[in-house]
Amino acid sequence: MRIYDECMPQIRVSEAARFLGVSDDTVRRWIDNGALTGTKDDAGRVVVDGLELAHLAREQAALPEDPTRVGSSARNRFVGLVTGITADKVMAQVELQCGPFRVVSLMSSEAVRDLGLELGSVATAVVKATTVIIETPQGKGIV
């Protein structure tokens, strides 16, 4: 078992705002009203604790309801809008915009027709993978 330092990553207000999809002013208001704890880093900039920010991000996440309403063992479900369909006689590329994330799927053109996919329609991308790669900015990982 690995024990990590007590020191959590410190995230600048502008970066926190980008991660949460809000303005810098909103993050500052959350600090002012106690929703987030702000401290100053060595350069005098206001920063927030990375773990506290992660908890707030999870609380703030408001996902659209999955229109399929099916039971599934896949936990990675992304509800979004179809923003692109490129199809030929056999294969198709379908693009969804799921919140801030673009998800692309390759499928048969027959599947596109069977699902009734069209630009602007609501769809759910379901991802079940045995490999998920996690990356960090260079020099930020813990060895």
C-alpha atoms as a PDB file:
ATOM      1  CA  MET A   1       0.000   0.000   0.000  1.00  0.00           C
ATOM      2  CA  ARG A   2       1.326   3.398  -0.975  1.00  0.00           C
ATOM      3  CA  ILE A   3       1.082   6.370   1.358  1.00  0.00           C
ATOM      4  CA  TYR A   4       0.988   9.733  -0.371  1.00  0.00           C
ATOM      5  CA  ASP A   5       2.195  13.076   0.905  1.00  0.00           C
ATOM      6  CA  GLU A   6      -0.243  15.198   2.867  1.00  0.00           C
ATOM      7  CA  CYS A   7       0.375  17.931   0.275  1.00  0.00           C
ATOM      8  CA  MET A   8      -2.431  17.902  -2.288  1.00  0.00           C
ATOM      9  CA  PRO A   9      -2.111  19.514  -5.703  1.00  0.00           C
ATOM     10  CA  GLN A  10      -2.964  23.203  -5.711  1.00  0.00           C
ATOM     11  CA  ILE A  11      -5.024  24.439  -8.663  1.00  0.00           C
ATOM     12  CA  ARG A  12      -5.089  28.082  -9.769  1.00  0.00           C
ATOM     13  CA  VAL A  13      -8.475  29.799  -9.974  1.00  0.00           C
ATOM     14  CA  SER A  14      -8.352  30.062 -13.783  1.00  0.00           C
ATOM     15  CA  GLU A  15      -7.573  26.342 -14.133  1.00  0.00           C
ATOM     16  CA  ALA A  16     -10.292  25.421 -11.611  1.00  0.00           C
ATOM     17  CA  ALA A  17     -12.771  27.454 -13.654  1.00  0.00           C
ATOM     18  CA  ARG A  18     -11.786  25.597 -16.838  1.00  0.00           C
ATOM     19  CA  PHE A  19     -12.178  22.193 -15.156  1.00  0.00           C
ATOM     20  CA  LEU A  20     -15.651  23.101 -13.870  1.00  0.00           C
ATOM     21  CA  GLY A  21     -16.807  24.913 -17.014  1.00  0.00           C
ATOM     22  CA  VAL A  22     -17.484  28.175 -15.174  1.00  0.00           C
ATOM     23  CA  SER A  23     -15.929  31.639 -15.086  1.00  0.00           C
ATOM     24  CA  ASP A  24     -13.015  32.687 -12.881  1.00  0.00           C
ATOM     25  CA  ASP A  25     -15.460  35.022 -11.099  1.00  0.00           C
ATOM     26  CA  THR A  26     -17.724  32.086 -10.224  1.00  0.00           C
ATOM     27  CA  VAL A  27     -14.807  30.228  -8.626  1.00  0.00           C
ATOM     28  CA  ARG A  28     -13.888  33.383  -6.683  1.00  0.00           C
ATOM     29  CA  ARG A  29     -17.518  33.699  -5.476  1.00  0.00           C
ATOM     30  CA  TRP A  30     -17.431  30.051  -4.337  1.00  0.00           C
ATOM     31  CA  ILE A  31     -14.261  30.834  -2.395  1.00  0.00           C
ATOM     32  CA  ASP A  32     -15.881  33.943  -0.885  1.00  0.00           C
ATOM     33  CA  ASN A  33     -19.017  32.059   0.202  1.00  0.00           C
ATOM     34  CA  GLY A  34     -17.100  29.031   1.527  1.00  0.00           C
ATOM     35  CA  ALA A  35     -18.013  26.480  -1.139  1.00  0.00           C
ATOM     36  CA  LEU A  36     -14.261  26.212  -1.880  1.00  0.00           C
ATOM     37  CA  THR A  37     -11.294  27.002   0.310  1.00  0.00           C
ATOM     38  CA  GLY A  38      -8.826  29.403  -1.263  1.00  0.00           C
ATOM     39  CA  THR A  39      -5.227  29.835  -0.136  1.00  0.00           C
ATOM     40  CA  LYS A  40      -2.242  31.677  -1.594  1.00  0.00           C
ATOM     41  CA  ASP A  41       0.621  29.845  -3.277  1.00  0.00           C
ATOM     42  CA  ASP A  42       4.289  30.845  -3.048  1.00  0.00           C
ATOM     43  CA  ALA A  43       3.762  33.393  -5.843  1.00  0.00           C
ATOM     44  CA  GLY A  44       0.801  34.991  -4.016  1.00  0.00           C
ATOM     45  CA  ARG A  45      -1.836  33.624  -6.405  1.00  0.00           C
ATOM     46  CA  VAL A  46      -5.116  32.265  -5.066  1.00  0.00           C
ATOM     47  CA  VAL A  47      -5.287  28.472  -5.396  1.00  0.00           C
ATOM     48  CA  VAL A  48      -7.690  25.736  -4.324  1.00  0.00           C
ATOM     49  CA  ASP A  49      -6.966  22.229  -3.139  1.00  0.00           C
ATOM     50  CA  GLY A  50      -7.146  19.719  -5.999  1.00  0.00           C
ATOM     51  CA  LEU A  51      -9.042  17.099  -3.972  1.00  0.00           C
ATOM     52  CA  GLU A  52     -11.589  19.650  -2.753  1.00  0.00           C
ATOM     53  CA  LEU A  53     -12.041  20.792  -6.360  1.00  0.00           C
ATOM     54  CA  ALA A  54     -12.522  17.186  -7.507  1.00  0.00           C
ATOM     55  CA  HIS A  55     -15.264  16.676  -4.897  1.00  0.00           C
ATOM     56  CA  LEU A  56     -17.007  19.891  -5.982  1.00  0.00           C
ATOM     57  CA  ALA A  57     -16.735  18.853  -9.653  1.00  0.00           C
ATOM     58  CA  ARG A  58     -18.439  15.558  -8.858  1.00  0.00           C
ATOM     59  CA  GLU A  59     -21.212  17.312  -6.873  1.00  0.00           C
ATOM     60  CA  GLN A  60     -21.750  19.874  -9.652  1.00  0.00           C
ATOM     61  CA  ALA A  61     -21.901  17.284 -12.453  1.00  0.00           C
ATOM     62  CA  ALA A  62     -25.405  17.307 -13.845  1.00  0.00           C
ATOM     63  CA  LEU A  63     -25.687  14.643 -16.495  1.00  0.00           C
ATOM     64  CA  PRO A  64     -28.688  14.474 -18.786  1.00  0.00           C
ATOM     65  CA  GLU A  65     -30.941  11.504 -18.143  1.00  0.00           C
ATOM     66  CA  ASP A  66     -30.008   8.482 -20.237  1.00  0.00           C
ATOM     67  CA  PRO A  67     -32.933   8.130 -22.661  1.00  0.00           C
ATOM     68  CA  THR A  68     -32.333   4.388 -23.125  1.00  0.00           C
ATOM     69  CA  ARG A  69     -33.257   3.550 -19.503  1.00  0.00           C
ATOM     70  CA  VAL A  70     -31.719   0.098 -19.851  1.00  0.00           C
ATOM     71  CA  GLY A  71     -29.792  -1.880 -17.274  1.00  0.00           C
ATOM     72  CA  SER A  72     -26.144  -2.315 -18.169  1.00  0.00           C
ATOM     73  CA  SER A  73     -22.870  -3.404 -16.623  1.00  0.00           C
ATOM     74  CA  ALA A  74     -21.078  -0.592 -18.466  1.00  0.00           C
ATOM     75  CA  ARG A  75     -20.556   2.375 -16.149  1.00  0.00           C
ATOM     76  CA  ASN A  76     -19.117   4.799 -18.683  1.00  0.00           C
ATOM     77  CA  ARG A  77     -22.205   6.227 -20.342  1.00  0.00           C
ATOM     78  CA  PHE A  78     -22.104   9.565 -22.147  1.00  0.00           C
ATOM     79  CA  VAL A  79     -25.416  11.133 -23.168  1.00  0.00           C
ATOM     80  CA  GLY A  80     -25.103  13.722 -25.892  1.00  0.00           C
ATOM     81  CA  LEU A  81     -26.206  15.129 -29.196  1.00  0.00           C
ATOM     82  CA  VAL A  82     -25.235  13.767 -32.593  1.00  0.00           C
ATOM     83  CA  THR A  83     -23.072  16.452 -34.222  1.00  0.00           C
ATOM     84  CA  GLY A  84     -21.686  14.566 -37.186  1.00  0.00           C
ATOM     85  CA  ILE A  85     -22.395  11.525 -39.346  1.00  0.00           C
ATOM     86  CA  THR A  86     -20.067  10.507 -42.157  1.00  0.00           C
ATOM     87  CA  ALA A  87     -21.303   7.379 -43.888  1.00  0.00           C
ATOM     88  CA  ASP A  88     -20.624   5.365 -46.989  1.00  0.00           C
ATOM     89  CA  LYS A  89     -22.367   2.226 -48.195  1.00  0.00           C
ATOM     90  CA  VAL A  90     -20.936  -0.010 -45.430  1.00  0.00           C
ATOM     91  CA  MET A  91     -19.407   2.015 -42.556  1.00  0.00           C
ATOM     92  CA  ALA A  92     -20.170   5.241 -40.701  1.00  0.00           C
ATOM     93  CA  GLN A  93     -18.448   7.588 -38.276  1.00  0.00           C
ATOM     94  CA  VAL A  94     -20.805   9.139 -35.726  1.00  0.00           C
ATOM     95  CA  GLU A  95     -19.764  12.065 -33.520  1.00  0.00           C
ATOM     96  CA  LEU A  96     -21.514  12.976 -30.271  1.00  0.00           C
ATOM     97  CA  GLN A  97     -21.009  16.082 -28.177  1.00  0.00           C
ATOM     98  CA  CYS A  98     -21.444  14.940 -24.575  1.00  0.00           C
ATOM     99  CA  GLY A  99     -21.076  18.043 -22.442  1.00  0.00           C
ATOM    100  CA  PRO A 100     -17.542  19.290 -23.077  1.00  0.00           C
ATOM    101  CA  PHE A 101     -16.465  15.938 -24.537  1.00  0.00           C
ATOM    102  CA  ARG A 102     -16.492  14.775 -28.148  1.00  0.00           C
ATOM    103  CA  VAL A 103     -17.091  11.032 -28.512  1.00  0.00           C
ATOM    104  CA  VAL A 104     -16.573   9.335 -31.887  1.00  0.00           C
ATOM    105  CA  SER A 105     -17.891   5.890 -32.810  1.00  0.00           C
ATOM    106  CA  LEU A 106     -17.308   3.784 -35.896  1.00  0.00           C
ATOM    107  CA  MET A 107     -20.226   1.518 -36.787  1.00  0.00           C
ATOM    108  CA  SER A 108     -22.001   0.062 -39.763  1.00  0.00           C
ATOM    109  CA  SER A 109     -24.154   2.354 -41.887  1.00  0.00           C
ATOM    110  CA  GLU A 110     -26.935  -0.153 -41.269  1.00  0.00           C
ATOM    111  CA  ALA A 111     -26.653   0.498 -37.502  1.00  0.00           C
ATOM    112  CA  VAL A 112     -26.973   4.255 -38.098  1.00  0.00           C
ATOM    113  CA  ARG A 113     -30.194   3.644 -40.031  1.00  0.00           C
ATOM    114  CA  ASP A 114     -31.536   1.092 -37.496  1.00  0.00           C
ATOM    115  CA  LEU A 115     -30.890   3.476 -34.581  1.00  0.00           C
ATOM    116  CA  GLY A 116     -32.492   6.381 -36.449  1.00  0.00           C
ATOM    117  CA  LEU A 117     -29.433   8.546 -35.833  1.00  0.00           C
ATOM    118  CA  GLU A 118     -29.545  11.988 -37.387  1.00  0.00           C
ATOM    119  CA  LEU A 119     -27.849  15.305 -36.722  1.00  0.00           C
ATOM    120  CA  GLY A 120     -29.187  16.818 -33.513  1.00  0.00           C
ATOM    121  CA  SER A 121     -30.677  13.596 -32.158  1.00  0.00           C
ATOM    122  CA  VAL A 122     -29.994  12.455 -28.592  1.00  0.00           C
ATOM    123  CA  ALA A 123     -27.891   9.326 -28.193  1.00  0.00           C
ATOM    124  CA  THR A 124     -25.848   7.564 -25.530  1.00  0.00           C
ATOM    125  CA  ALA A 125     -22.272   6.409 -26.063  1.00  0.00           C
ATOM    126  CA  VAL A 126     -21.532   3.363 -23.917  1.00  0.00           C
ATOM    127  CA  VAL A 127     -17.873   2.561 -23.303  1.00  0.00           C
ATOM    128  CA  LYS A 128     -16.714  -0.687 -21.759  1.00  0.00           C
ATOM    129  CA  ALA A 129     -12.991  -1.130 -22.108  1.00  0.00           C
ATOM    130  CA  THR A 130     -10.366  -3.295 -20.480  1.00  0.00           C
ATOM    131  CA  THR A 131      -7.756  -0.604 -21.023  1.00  0.00           C
ATOM    132  CA  VAL A 132      -8.114   3.001 -19.921  1.00  0.00           C
ATOM    133  CA  ILE A 133      -4.987   5.138 -20.131  1.00  0.00           C
ATOM    134  CA  ILE A 134      -4.504   7.893 -17.554  1.00  0.00           C
ATOM    135  CA  GLU A 135      -2.005  10.663 -18.310  1.00  0.00           C
ATOM    136  CA  THR A 136      -0.645  13.530 -16.236  1.00  0.00           C
ATOM    137  CA  PRO A 137       1.310  16.611 -17.224  1.00  0.00           C
ATOM    138  CA  GLN A 138       5.026  15.791 -17.433  1.00  0.00           C
ATOM    139  CA  GLY A 139       6.722  15.904 -14.038  1.00  0.00           C
ATOM    140  CA  LYS A 140       3.418  15.913 -12.115  1.00  0.00           C
ATOM    141  CA  GLY A 141       3.126  12.153 -11.521  1.00  0.00           C
ATOM    142  CA  ILE A 142       4.018  10.455  -8.250  1.00  0.00           C
ATOM    143  CA  VAL A 143       6.614   7.731  -8.596  1.00  0.00           C
END
